[in-house]
Amino acid sequence: MYMLKEKSVLVVDDSPIIQQTTKAVLQKCGFQGTNLYSVSNAVDALQACRSMAFDILLLDFNLGNGRSGLQLLEQLHHLDLLTHNPLVLIITADDSLPIVMAFAEFEPDDYLVKPLRPNNLQKRLVANLSQQQLNESIWQAFNLTGVTGARKALQQAQNEKSFKLAITQLCKRLAKHQQLPTAIALLKSFITQHDYLPAKLLLIELLLRSNSLEQATQNTAEVQTAFPQHIKVLDLSARIYLKNNDLQQGYLLWLKAHQLSHYNLERLLGLILIENTLLSKRGYSEKLLKDANRLLQGSIWDSRDMRCLLSWGLLQNTQKSVSSIERLWCSISREDQTMAAERPYLQILQAWQSAQQDRKLLAFKQVQQISVNSETKNSYVFQLLSYRLYQLLNMRSAMQKCISQIALLCTLDKCDSHKVIKYQWLAKNKSILTPDENYHQALTLYQRSPALAAKAVFAAWENNRFDDELAQSLIHVYCNDQIEHTPTTRESFIQARWVFESQSTPPKWYSALQACNSILQTPVEVMTRKAAGAIEA
């Protein structure tokens, strides 16, 4: 029997009454009152775990304000606050299928259904602590004498279930300590003799991590037959399809997994990324966006990048113009007002909405006002949204700069599943990096003979709008009457003027030309309004 009174316990529950009740139950189980601690929210729990290495964590599933104990568990792992391997138990009043499936994915040591009863709690704690001690002794033995030592330590297992779990935990720990080949070899040997699903799923996961796609596919096919609706089987199968560039099948399997349990934000945000970037039809977006919006705040995925993704998704999903991008953003951030650091994201969203509504000159002016910085340069979603905006504005050179930056950001992504999606988008759009021969030919011809180049310059403008060099050539051609003044050429001329008129200080050549050319002396705003309704500013 363990000396439970020596173990330190942190109880995380948003109800002070349940905190006290849980402590009372723990004391009846044999814990010492001075070793029992409690907090009411995830923020305080993180602070407590930074200050003290607890032996046992009891996390309530529902922490209020949309937060869950599973999110907290994910954060604790992400911040390396569980490296001392404490016992983690989730307490829930809801044992419905989505909740149970979520436990299967986040893998706490155990979960308990309320109300807590002293005898049951004590029994479960002792069993889990016993397993934890066995796992630790096997790990120590492996580090001292390798597989031989681990086999000897495994003899301490009291039953087959404990034995199987110990082997699986050893392999998981080996993988965590960069001993992937050893973990894979042990798992392969183990599952030939033992039909144990957690070990089979771990093997598939490690094979995926080592890019052994063929082996991962073979192993997945076996478990799919026996467990077609198991959430981890669906999730791993989807990841394999994604890595094999079968986007549609990967998406559908991920969607099935999400329908079973919506608590996995990596998968959920991956689905939204696929829908926003790679699928032409998005029939499920609204539900996914609502789920993500509910779970994002306070999670390890909560960032301006992801808030921008959800805001953009909601903008795409509405039939009406959103009058306040700032209000939309605050509905996701759960803040009363936006921060200065969020301003560039709001600006790019506003410009994209204007361009989407075919208000291209307004969108271009809004682009000029965006206060880009080092954060936005390294934000995948900001760069992707910029690319889409420039695509709507036919700004080819700006698109090329964006896609080059996106390619760099893909290499830095630490989330394997999202990286696969991003690389697929990149492969689909990399043709934009191919030089535009019409553009280069027009500029080359202009250097030789502006009059002969006039038509080529205006033709090149169609796919290279708001390009500085082309805009300068186009303005000279138009002002020198080297092209017929039609509504179409006038529209292009107005757009070219905005390239320089929107600058705080127009270039000297433009000011000099404006001083001696009457058509440039007409304010561009006036020309825009008179453009026969062709352009909306």
Protein backbone atom coordinates (compact mmCIF):
# COMPACT_ATOMS: atom_id res chain seq x y z
CA MET A 1 0.00 0.00 0.00
CA TYR A 2 1.31 3.41 -0.88
CA MET A 3 1.74 6.09 1.75
CA LEU A 4 -0.84 8.34 0.12
CA LYS A 5 -0.47 10.94 2.83
CA GLU A 6 3.01 11.79 1.49
CA LYS A 7 1.74 12.51 -2.01
CA SER A 8 1.04 16.11 -3.04
CA VAL A 9 -2.17 16.71 -4.98
CA LEU A 10 -3.40 19.68 -7.01
CA VAL A 11 -7.18 19.88 -7.50
CA VAL A 12 -8.30 22.10 -10.40
CA ASP A 13 -12.02 22.92 -10.38
CA ASP A 14 -13.92 26.15 -11.03
CA SER A 15 -16.27 25.45 -8.11
CA PRO A 16 -14.92 26.24 -4.60
CA ILE A 17 -17.51 23.88 -3.11
CA ILE A 18 -16.33 20.95 -5.27
CA GLN A 19 -12.71 21.83 -4.43
CA GLN A 20 -13.44 21.42 -0.74
CA THR A 21 -15.54 18.29 -1.29
CA THR A 22 -12.76 16.70 -3.36
CA LYS A 23 -10.18 17.52 -0.68
CA ALA A 24 -12.42 15.93 1.95
CA VAL A 25 -12.74 12.78 -0.15
CA LEU A 26 -8.95 12.68 -0.64
CA GLN A 27 -8.37 12.96 3.11
CA LYS A 28 -10.72 10.01 3.65
CA CYS A 29 -8.54 8.10 1.16
CA GLY A 30 -5.47 8.70 3.36
CA PHE A 31 -3.96 11.91 1.99
CA GLN A 32 -2.63 14.50 4.39
CA GLY A 33 -4.54 17.79 4.36
CA THR A 34 -1.37 19.93 4.19
CA ASN A 35 -0.40 18.21 0.92
CA LEU A 36 -3.68 19.08 -0.80
CA TYR A 37 -3.84 22.20 -2.96
CA SER A 38 -6.59 23.65 -5.11
CA VAL A 39 -7.07 26.33 -7.77
CA SER A 40 -10.13 27.40 -9.73
CA ASN A 41 -8.81 28.03 -13.25
CA ALA A 42 -6.19 27.02 -15.80
CA VAL A 43 -4.04 30.13 -15.37
CA ASP A 44 -3.64 29.53 -11.63
CA ALA A 45 -3.06 25.83 -12.29
CA LEU A 46 -0.18 26.61 -14.65
CA GLN A 47 1.33 28.96 -12.08
CA ALA A 48 0.98 26.35 -9.35
CA CYS A 49 2.68 23.71 -11.52
CA ARG A 50 5.54 26.12 -12.25
CA SER A 51 6.03 26.60 -8.52
CA MET A 52 5.73 22.99 -7.40
CA ALA A 53 6.08 19.51 -8.89
CA PHE A 54 2.87 17.82 -7.77
CA ASP A 55 2.64 14.03 -7.52
CA ILE A 56 -1.00 13.93 -8.60
CA LEU A 57 -3.16 16.31 -10.66
CA LEU A 58 -6.95 16.06 -10.50
CA LEU A 59 -8.33 18.20 -13.33
CA ASP A 60 -12.03 18.88 -13.72
CA PHE A 61 -13.14 18.42 -17.30
CA ASN A 62 -15.27 21.57 -17.36
CA LEU A 63 -13.30 24.53 -16.01
CA GLY A 64 -15.82 27.15 -17.12
CA ASN A 65 -15.56 29.92 -19.73
CA GLY A 66 -15.14 27.34 -22.47
CA ARG A 67 -11.99 25.88 -20.91
CA SER A 68 -11.48 22.17 -20.27
CA GLY A 69 -9.15 20.00 -18.25
CA LEU A 70 -7.98 18.42 -21.50
CA GLN A 71 -6.83 21.83 -22.79
CA LEU A 72 -4.99 22.35 -19.52
CA LEU A 73 -3.36 18.92 -19.85
CA GLU A 74 -2.24 19.86 -23.38
CA GLN A 75 -0.79 23.14 -22.08
CA LEU A 76 1.08 21.41 -19.27
CA HIS A 77 2.69 19.04 -21.78
CA HIS A 78 3.45 21.91 -24.17
CA LEU A 79 5.19 23.90 -21.40
CA ASP A 80 7.16 20.84 -20.19
CA LEU A 81 5.56 21.02 -16.74
CA LEU A 82 4.93 17.27 -16.61
CA THR A 83 8.47 16.02 -17.21
CA HIS A 84 8.52 14.56 -13.67
CA ASN A 85 5.68 12.21 -14.76
CA PRO A 86 2.96 13.01 -12.23
CA LEU A 87 -0.29 11.08 -12.19
CA VAL A 88 -2.96 13.00 -14.15
CA LEU A 89 -6.64 12.20 -13.70
CA ILE A 90 -9.54 14.01 -15.37
CA ILE A 91 -12.77 14.26 -13.39
CA THR A 92 -16.01 14.57 -15.33
CA ALA A 93 -19.75 14.55 -14.77
CA ASP A 94 -20.23 13.69 -18.45
CA ASP A 95 -19.20 10.27 -19.73
CA SER A 96 -20.84 10.64 -23.15
CA LEU A 97 -19.12 9.29 -26.26
CA PRO A 98 -17.48 12.60 -27.39
CA ILE A 99 -15.93 13.03 -23.93
CA VAL A 100 -14.69 9.43 -23.73
CA MET A 101 -13.24 9.76 -27.25
CA ALA A 102 -11.46 12.94 -26.19
CA PHE A 103 -9.87 11.08 -23.26
CA ALA A 104 -8.65 8.43 -25.72
CA GLU A 105 -6.81 11.14 -27.66
CA PHE A 106 -5.36 13.24 -24.84
CA GLU A 107 -4.41 10.16 -22.79
CA PRO A 108 -4.57 11.17 -19.12
CA ASP A 109 -3.58 8.35 -16.77
CA ASP A 110 -7.22 7.83 -15.89
CA TYR A 111 -10.58 9.56 -15.71
CA LEU A 112 -13.19 9.48 -13.00
CA VAL A 113 -16.92 10.11 -13.22
CA LYS A 114 -18.56 12.26 -10.54
CA PRO A 115 -19.62 11.91 -7.81
CA LEU A 116 -16.29 10.82 -6.33
CA ARG A 117 -16.56 7.98 -3.82
CA PRO A 118 -13.64 7.46 -1.38
CA ASN A 119 -13.36 3.68 -1.85
CA ASN A 120 -13.41 3.86 -5.64
CA LEU A 121 -11.05 6.85 -5.75
CA GLN A 122 -8.57 5.17 -3.42
CA LYS A 123 -8.66 1.95 -5.46
CA ARG A 124 -8.07 3.79 -8.74
CA LEU A 125 -5.29 5.97 -7.31
CA VAL A 126 -3.45 3.00 -5.82
CA ALA A 127 -3.74 1.07 -9.11
CA ASN A 128 -2.46 4.01 -11.13
CA LEU A 129 0.38 4.78 -8.72
CA SER A 130 1.36 1.11 -8.77
CA GLN A 131 1.45 1.19 -12.58
CA GLN A 132 3.43 4.42 -12.49
CA GLN A 133 6.04 2.85 -10.19
CA LEU A 134 6.32 -0.19 -12.46
CA ASN A 135 6.77 2.04 -15.52
CA GLU A 136 9.50 3.99 -13.75
CA SER A 137 11.39 0.89 -12.62
CA ILE A 138 11.31 -0.50 -16.18
CA TRP A 139 12.59 2.79 -17.58
CA GLN A 140 15.45 2.88 -15.07
CA ALA A 141 16.31 -0.76 -15.80
CA PHE A 142 16.34 -0.11 -19.54
CA ASN A 143 18.72 2.82 -19.09
CA LEU A 144 21.07 0.67 -17.01
CA THR A 145 21.12 -2.63 -18.92
CA GLY A 146 18.94 -2.17 -21.99
CA VAL A 147 16.24 -4.61 -23.09
CA THR A 148 17.54 -7.36 -20.80
CA GLY A 149 17.07 -5.16 -17.74
CA ALA A 150 13.64 -4.00 -18.89
CA ARG A 151 12.48 -7.62 -19.34
CA LYS A 152 13.58 -8.44 -15.81
CA ALA A 153 11.78 -5.40 -14.40
CA LEU A 154 8.64 -6.37 -16.33
CA GLN A 155 8.34 -9.48 -14.20
CA GLN A 156 7.00 -7.19 -11.47
CA ALA A 157 3.80 -6.67 -13.49
CA GLN A 158 0.87 -8.05 -11.51
CA ASN A 159 -1.31 -8.89 -14.50
CA GLU A 160 -1.37 -8.94 -18.28
CA LYS A 161 -3.02 -5.52 -18.55
CA SER A 162 -0.28 -3.95 -16.44
CA PHE A 163 2.38 -5.74 -18.51
CA LYS A 164 0.99 -4.50 -21.83
CA LEU A 165 0.60 -0.95 -20.57
CA ALA A 166 4.16 -0.92 -19.21
CA ILE A 167 5.65 -2.02 -22.55
CA THR A 168 3.66 0.65 -24.39
CA GLN A 169 4.71 3.36 -21.94
CA LEU A 170 8.36 2.33 -22.27
CA CYS A 171 8.19 2.67 -26.05
CA LYS A 172 6.43 6.03 -25.77
CA ARG A 173 9.17 7.25 -23.45
CA LEU A 174 11.91 5.97 -25.75
CA ALA A 175 10.37 7.90 -28.65
CA LYS A 176 10.22 11.03 -26.51
CA HIS A 177 13.92 10.64 -25.76
CA GLN A 178 14.85 10.44 -29.47
CA GLN A 179 15.20 6.64 -29.53
CA LEU A 180 12.64 6.14 -32.28
CA PRO A 181 14.20 3.07 -34.01
CA THR A 182 14.44 1.21 -30.68
CA ALA A 183 10.83 2.05 -29.80
CA ILE A 184 9.59 0.89 -33.23
CA ALA A 185 11.57 -2.36 -33.04
CA LEU A 186 10.23 -3.17 -29.54
CA LEU A 187 6.64 -2.42 -30.59
CA LYS A 188 6.90 -4.58 -33.70
CA SER A 189 8.19 -7.49 -31.62
CA PHE A 190 5.55 -6.94 -28.94
CA ILE A 191 2.47 -6.82 -31.17
CA THR A 192 3.41 -10.04 -32.94
CA GLN A 193 2.72 -11.77 -29.63
CA HIS A 194 0.10 -9.50 -28.04
CA ASP A 195 -3.10 -8.12 -29.55
CA TYR A 196 -3.01 -4.72 -27.81
CA LEU A 197 -4.60 -1.76 -29.59
CA PRO A 198 -2.73 1.09 -27.78
CA ALA A 199 0.60 -0.50 -28.78
CA LYS A 200 -0.56 -0.87 -32.40
CA LEU A 201 -1.68 2.76 -32.53
CA LEU A 202 1.58 3.95 -31.01
CA LEU A 203 3.51 1.96 -33.62
CA ILE A 204 1.56 3.62 -36.44
CA GLU A 205 2.19 7.03 -34.90
CA LEU A 206 5.94 6.39 -34.65
CA LEU A 207 6.11 4.98 -38.18
CA LEU A 208 4.44 8.16 -39.39
CA ARG A 209 6.92 10.24 -37.44
CA SER A 210 9.79 8.36 -39.07
CA ASN A 211 8.18 8.79 -42.54
CA SER A 212 7.77 5.03 -42.98
CA LEU A 213 4.51 5.57 -44.85
CA GLU A 214 4.24 2.15 -46.45
CA GLN A 215 4.60 0.35 -43.12
CA ALA A 216 2.25 2.80 -41.42
CA THR A 217 -0.35 2.20 -44.12
CA GLN A 218 -0.10 -1.58 -43.76
CA ASN A 219 -0.45 -1.45 -39.97
CA THR A 220 -3.37 0.99 -40.20
CA ALA A 221 -5.26 -1.26 -42.63
CA GLU A 222 -5.21 -4.04 -40.03
CA VAL A 223 -6.63 -1.96 -37.17
CA GLN A 224 -9.15 -0.22 -39.46
CA THR A 225 -10.84 -3.55 -40.10
CA ALA A 226 -11.27 -4.26 -36.42
CA PHE A 227 -11.88 -0.68 -35.19
CA PRO A 228 -13.31 1.37 -38.09
CA GLN A 229 -14.88 4.01 -35.81
CA HIS A 230 -12.10 4.38 -33.25
CA ILE A 231 -11.14 8.06 -33.12
CA LYS A 232 -7.37 7.48 -33.09
CA VAL A 233 -7.63 5.00 -35.96
CA LEU A 234 -9.54 7.61 -37.97
CA ASP A 235 -7.10 10.36 -37.03
CA LEU A 236 -3.97 8.38 -37.88
CA SER A 237 -5.52 7.12 -41.12
CA ALA A 238 -6.27 10.71 -42.11
CA ARG A 239 -2.67 11.77 -41.41
CA ILE A 240 -1.38 8.94 -43.59
CA TYR A 241 -3.63 10.00 -46.48
CA LEU A 242 -2.52 13.61 -46.08
CA LYS A 243 1.15 12.59 -46.17
CA ASN A 244 0.42 10.56 -49.29
CA ASN A 245 -1.10 13.70 -50.85
CA ASP A 246 -4.62 12.23 -50.87
CA LEU A 247 -6.17 15.40 -49.53
CA GLN A 248 -9.81 14.50 -50.08
CA GLN A 249 -9.69 11.17 -48.24
CA GLY A 250 -7.59 12.64 -45.43
CA TYR A 251 -10.07 15.46 -45.03
CA LEU A 252 -13.07 13.11 -44.90
CA LEU A 253 -11.48 10.86 -42.27
CA TRP A 254 -10.47 13.84 -40.16
CA LEU A 255 -14.02 15.12 -40.46
CA LYS A 256 -15.36 11.78 -39.20
CA ALA A 257 -12.98 11.94 -36.25
CA HIS A 258 -14.08 15.50 -35.50
CA GLN A 259 -17.73 14.45 -35.54
CA LEU A 260 -16.91 11.85 -32.87
CA SER A 261 -15.14 14.40 -30.65
CA HIS A 262 -14.45 18.06 -31.38
CA TYR A 263 -11.85 18.74 -28.67
CA ASN A 264 -8.73 18.17 -30.80
CA LEU A 265 -7.73 21.66 -31.98
CA GLU A 266 -4.80 20.46 -34.07
CA ARG A 267 -7.20 18.44 -36.19
CA LEU A 268 -9.92 21.09 -36.14
CA LEU A 269 -7.60 23.89 -37.27
CA GLY A 270 -6.17 21.51 -39.87
CA LEU A 271 -9.66 20.97 -41.29
CA ILE A 272 -10.20 24.74 -41.46
CA LEU A 273 -6.82 25.19 -43.18
CA ILE A 274 -7.79 22.58 -45.78
CA GLU A 275 -11.17 24.18 -46.39
CA ASN A 276 -9.76 27.71 -46.62
CA THR A 277 -6.86 26.85 -48.90
CA LEU A 278 -7.38 23.65 -50.85
CA LEU A 279 -11.05 22.78 -51.21
CA SER A 280 -13.32 24.50 -53.70
CA LYS A 281 -16.50 23.57 -51.81
CA ARG A 282 -16.80 24.32 -48.10
CA GLY A 283 -20.09 22.92 -46.86
CA TYR A 284 -19.00 22.26 -43.29
CA SER A 285 -17.13 25.50 -42.54
CA GLU A 286 -19.65 27.17 -40.24
CA LYS A 287 -19.75 24.27 -37.78
CA LEU A 288 -15.96 23.90 -37.76
CA LEU A 289 -15.46 27.64 -37.26
CA LYS A 290 -17.91 27.71 -34.35
CA ASP A 291 -16.20 24.73 -32.69
CA ALA A 292 -12.77 26.31 -33.10
CA ASN A 293 -14.00 29.67 -31.85
CA ARG A 294 -15.35 28.00 -28.72
CA LEU A 295 -12.12 26.12 -27.96
CA LEU A 296 -9.33 28.43 -29.12
CA GLN A 297 -9.13 30.90 -26.25
CA GLY A 298 -6.48 29.95 -23.73
CA SER A 299 -5.35 26.85 -25.63
CA ILE A 300 -1.80 26.25 -26.87
CA TRP A 301 -3.11 27.16 -30.33
CA ASP A 302 -4.38 30.59 -29.27
CA SER A 303 -2.36 33.13 -31.26
CA ARG A 304 -2.96 36.13 -33.49
CA ASP A 305 -2.20 33.84 -36.42
CA MET A 306 -5.05 31.46 -35.53
CA ARG A 307 -7.41 34.31 -34.60
CA CYS A 308 -6.77 35.74 -38.05
CA LEU A 309 -7.53 32.34 -39.63
CA LEU A 310 -10.88 32.11 -37.84
CA SER A 311 -11.76 35.74 -38.63
CA TRP A 312 -10.94 35.16 -42.28
CA GLY A 313 -12.98 31.96 -42.31
CA LEU A 314 -15.98 33.75 -40.82
CA LEU A 315 -15.65 36.54 -43.40
CA GLN A 316 -15.65 33.97 -46.21
CA ASN A 317 -18.63 32.20 -44.69
CA THR A 318 -20.94 35.21 -44.56
CA GLN A 319 -23.01 36.51 -47.43
CA LYS A 320 -23.02 40.06 -46.10
CA SER A 321 -20.28 42.61 -45.59
CA VAL A 322 -19.01 42.69 -41.99
CA SER A 323 -19.30 46.29 -40.88
CA SER A 324 -16.77 45.97 -38.06
CA ILE A 325 -13.76 43.71 -38.47
CA GLU A 326 -12.70 44.81 -35.00
CA ARG A 327 -15.95 43.53 -33.46
CA LEU A 328 -15.53 40.23 -35.30
CA TRP A 329 -11.98 39.90 -33.96
CA CYS A 330 -13.09 40.64 -30.39
CA SER A 331 -15.76 37.93 -30.64
CA ILE A 332 -12.90 35.46 -31.18
CA SER A 333 -10.35 36.91 -28.74
CA ARG A 334 -13.05 37.40 -26.04
CA GLU A 335 -11.54 40.84 -25.36
CA ASP A 336 -13.45 44.11 -25.11
CA GLN A 337 -11.08 45.89 -27.48
CA THR A 338 -8.22 45.11 -29.83
CA MET A 339 -4.54 45.63 -29.06
CA ALA A 340 -2.02 47.62 -31.09
CA ALA A 341 -0.22 44.39 -32.08
CA GLU A 342 -3.46 43.12 -33.67
CA ARG A 343 -3.88 46.16 -35.93
CA PRO A 344 -2.03 44.73 -39.00
CA TYR A 345 -4.28 41.65 -38.92
CA LEU A 346 -7.42 43.81 -38.82
CA GLN A 347 -6.07 45.93 -41.69
CA ILE A 348 -5.31 42.95 -43.95
CA LEU A 349 -8.75 41.45 -43.22
CA GLN A 350 -10.43 44.75 -44.08
CA ALA A 351 -8.45 45.07 -47.32
CA TRP A 352 -9.27 41.48 -48.28
CA GLN A 353 -12.98 42.09 -47.70
CA SER A 354 -12.85 45.22 -49.91
CA ALA A 355 -11.08 43.32 -52.69
CA GLN A 356 -13.54 40.42 -52.38
CA GLN A 357 -16.36 42.92 -52.94
CA ASP A 358 -14.54 44.16 -56.08
CA ARG A 359 -13.69 47.49 -54.43
CA LYS A 360 -10.16 47.14 -55.71
CA LEU A 361 -8.94 50.72 -55.50
CA LEU A 362 -10.14 50.96 -51.92
CA ALA A 363 -8.45 47.64 -51.18
CA PHE A 364 -5.19 48.89 -52.70
CA LYS A 365 -5.31 52.07 -50.61
CA GLN A 366 -5.95 49.95 -47.51
CA VAL A 367 -2.98 47.75 -48.40
CA GLN A 368 -0.73 50.82 -48.37
CA GLN A 369 -1.81 51.56 -44.80
CA ILE A 370 -1.04 48.11 -43.37
CA SER A 371 1.61 48.38 -40.68
CA VAL A 372 3.57 45.21 -41.39
CA ASN A 373 6.21 44.11 -38.88
CA SER A 374 8.44 41.17 -38.03
CA GLU A 375 5.51 39.26 -36.51
CA THR A 376 3.31 39.54 -39.59
CA LYS A 377 6.28 38.63 -41.78
CA ASN A 378 6.53 35.35 -39.83
CA SER A 379 2.78 34.72 -39.65
CA TYR A 380 1.71 32.00 -42.08
CA VAL A 381 -1.94 33.07 -42.10
CA PHE A 382 -1.05 36.75 -42.58
CA GLN A 383 1.16 35.87 -45.55
CA LEU A 384 -1.46 33.50 -46.98
CA LEU A 385 -4.17 36.15 -46.63
CA SER A 386 -1.85 38.71 -48.23
CA TYR A 387 -1.30 36.34 -51.15
CA ARG A 388 -5.06 35.91 -51.61
CA LEU A 389 -5.54 39.67 -51.42
CA TYR A 390 -2.84 40.35 -54.00
CA GLN A 391 -4.37 37.62 -56.16
CA LEU A 392 -7.70 39.46 -56.13
CA LEU A 393 -5.86 42.67 -57.05
CA ASN A 394 -3.76 40.92 -59.77
CA MET A 395 -0.55 42.06 -58.05
CA ARG A 396 1.75 39.35 -59.38
CA SER A 397 5.07 40.60 -58.02
CA ALA A 398 3.57 40.99 -54.52
CA MET A 399 2.15 37.45 -54.81
CA GLN A 400 5.61 36.15 -55.68
CA LYS A 401 7.12 37.77 -52.59
CA CYS A 402 4.38 36.28 -50.41
CA ILE A 403 4.77 32.76 -51.75
CA SER A 404 8.54 32.88 -51.24
CA GLN A 405 7.98 33.87 -47.61
CA ILE A 406 5.30 31.18 -47.20
CA ALA A 407 7.76 28.56 -48.49
CA LEU A 408 10.22 29.63 -45.80
CA LEU A 409 7.57 29.55 -43.07
CA CYS A 410 6.53 26.02 -44.10
CA THR A 411 10.02 24.75 -43.31
CA LEU A 412 9.76 26.22 -39.78
CA ASP A 413 6.34 24.75 -38.92
CA LYS A 414 6.58 22.39 -35.94
CA CYS A 415 3.16 20.80 -36.46
CA ASP A 416 3.64 17.92 -38.91
CA SER A 417 -0.01 17.63 -39.96
CA HIS A 418 -0.36 21.35 -40.67
CA LYS A 419 2.99 21.40 -42.46
CA VAL A 420 1.74 18.71 -44.87
CA ILE A 421 -1.34 20.82 -45.69
CA LYS A 422 0.72 23.96 -46.20
CA TYR A 423 3.19 22.21 -48.51
CA GLN A 424 0.31 20.88 -50.60
CA TRP A 425 -1.04 24.41 -51.00
CA LEU A 426 2.45 25.59 -51.90
CA ALA A 427 2.81 22.92 -54.59
CA LYS A 428 -0.56 23.91 -56.03
CA ASN A 429 0.38 27.60 -56.26
CA LYS A 430 4.10 27.58 -56.98
CA SER A 431 3.48 28.27 -60.69
CA ILE A 432 3.14 31.95 -59.73
CA LEU A 433 6.93 31.95 -59.34
CA THR A 434 7.26 31.36 -63.09
CA PRO A 435 8.35 34.66 -64.67
CA ASP A 436 5.62 36.53 -66.57
CA GLU A 437 7.09 36.86 -70.05
CA ASN A 438 4.50 39.44 -71.11
CA TYR A 439 5.53 41.65 -68.20
CA HIS A 440 9.24 41.49 -68.97
CA GLN A 441 8.72 41.86 -72.71
CA ALA A 442 6.53 44.93 -72.19
CA LEU A 443 9.12 46.66 -70.03
CA THR A 444 11.97 45.71 -72.38
CA LEU A 445 10.05 47.02 -75.39
CA TYR A 446 9.18 50.20 -73.51
CA GLN A 447 12.87 50.92 -72.98
CA ARG A 448 13.40 50.72 -76.76
CA SER A 449 10.22 52.41 -77.98
CA PRO A 450 7.45 53.64 -75.62
CA ALA A 451 5.05 54.16 -78.55
CA LEU A 452 5.48 50.60 -79.83
CA ALA A 453 5.23 49.23 -76.29
CA ALA A 454 1.95 50.96 -75.42
CA LYS A 455 -0.41 48.04 -76.07
CA ALA A 456 1.99 45.55 -74.49
CA VAL A 457 2.26 47.69 -71.34
CA PHE A 458 -1.51 47.90 -70.92
CA ALA A 459 -1.89 44.15 -71.65
CA ALA A 460 0.73 43.30 -69.02
CA TRP A 461 -1.08 45.50 -66.49
CA GLU A 462 -3.99 43.03 -66.37
CA ASN A 463 -1.93 40.46 -64.40
CA ASN A 464 0.51 42.87 -62.77
CA ARG A 465 -1.65 45.65 -61.38
CA PHE A 466 -0.16 48.23 -59.01
CA ASP A 467 3.40 47.27 -60.02
CA ASP A 468 5.60 50.37 -59.60
CA GLU A 469 7.71 49.97 -62.74
CA LEU A 470 4.80 49.03 -64.97
CA ALA A 471 2.66 51.83 -63.49
CA GLN A 472 5.33 54.39 -64.37
CA SER A 473 5.52 53.15 -67.95
CA LEU A 474 1.73 53.09 -68.28
CA ILE A 475 1.35 56.67 -67.00
CA HIS A 476 3.92 57.98 -69.48
CA VAL A 477 2.26 56.15 -72.39
CA TYR A 478 -1.18 57.45 -71.45
CA CYS A 479 -0.08 61.04 -70.83
CA ASN A 480 1.83 61.12 -74.13
CA ASP A 481 -1.27 59.92 -76.03
CA GLN A 482 0.52 56.80 -77.22
CA ILE A 483 -2.58 54.68 -76.50
CA GLU A 484 -6.22 55.37 -77.28
CA HIS A 485 -8.13 56.81 -74.30
CA THR A 486 -10.96 54.34 -73.77
CA PRO A 487 -12.85 53.48 -70.58
CA THR A 488 -10.63 50.40 -70.20
CA THR A 489 -7.31 52.23 -70.63
CA ARG A 490 -8.61 55.06 -68.43
CA GLU A 491 -9.39 52.55 -65.65
CA SER A 492 -5.83 51.18 -65.85
CA PHE A 493 -4.42 54.74 -65.87
CA ILE A 494 -6.38 55.64 -62.74
CA GLN A 495 -5.11 52.49 -60.99
CA ALA A 496 -1.54 53.35 -62.02
CA ARG A 497 -1.95 56.87 -60.61
CA TRP A 498 -3.09 55.46 -57.28
CA VAL A 499 0.23 53.59 -56.99
CA PHE A 500 1.99 56.92 -56.52
CA GLU A 501 -0.82 59.14 -55.24
CA SER A 502 -1.31 56.83 -52.27
CA GLN A 503 2.32 57.35 -51.20
CA SER A 504 2.97 59.99 -48.54
CA THR A 505 5.47 61.64 -50.88
CA PRO A 506 5.08 60.83 -54.60
CA PRO A 507 8.33 60.21 -56.55
CA LYS A 508 10.05 63.25 -58.08
CA TRP A 509 9.46 62.06 -61.65
CA TYR A 510 5.71 61.86 -60.95
CA SER A 511 5.56 65.36 -59.43
CA ALA A 512 7.54 66.76 -62.36
CA LEU A 513 5.26 65.08 -64.93
CA GLN A 514 2.18 66.23 -63.02
CA ALA A 515 3.36 69.84 -63.13
CA CYS A 516 3.41 69.89 -66.93
CA ASN A 517 0.55 67.54 -67.81
CA SER A 518 -3.05 68.66 -67.44
CA ILE A 519 -4.53 65.17 -67.19
CA LEU A 520 -2.41 64.49 -64.11
CA GLN A 521 -3.52 67.76 -62.57
CA THR A 522 -7.08 66.49 -62.31
CA PRO A 523 -7.25 65.00 -58.78
CA VAL A 524 -7.21 61.21 -58.99
CA GLU A 525 -10.18 61.05 -56.61
CA VAL A 526 -12.21 63.07 -59.12
CA MET A 527 -11.11 60.87 -62.01
CA THR A 528 -12.05 57.81 -59.99
CA ARG A 529 -15.56 59.10 -59.29
CA LYS A 530 -16.08 60.00 -62.94
CA ALA A 531 -14.90 56.67 -64.30
CA ALA A 532 -18.40 55.83 -65.55
CA GLY A 533 -19.03 53.49 -62.63
CA ALA A 534 -16.22 51.19 -63.75
CA ILE A 535 -14.34 51.56 -60.48
CA GLU A 536 -15.70 51.83 -56.97
CA ALA A 537 -13.40 53.63 -54.57
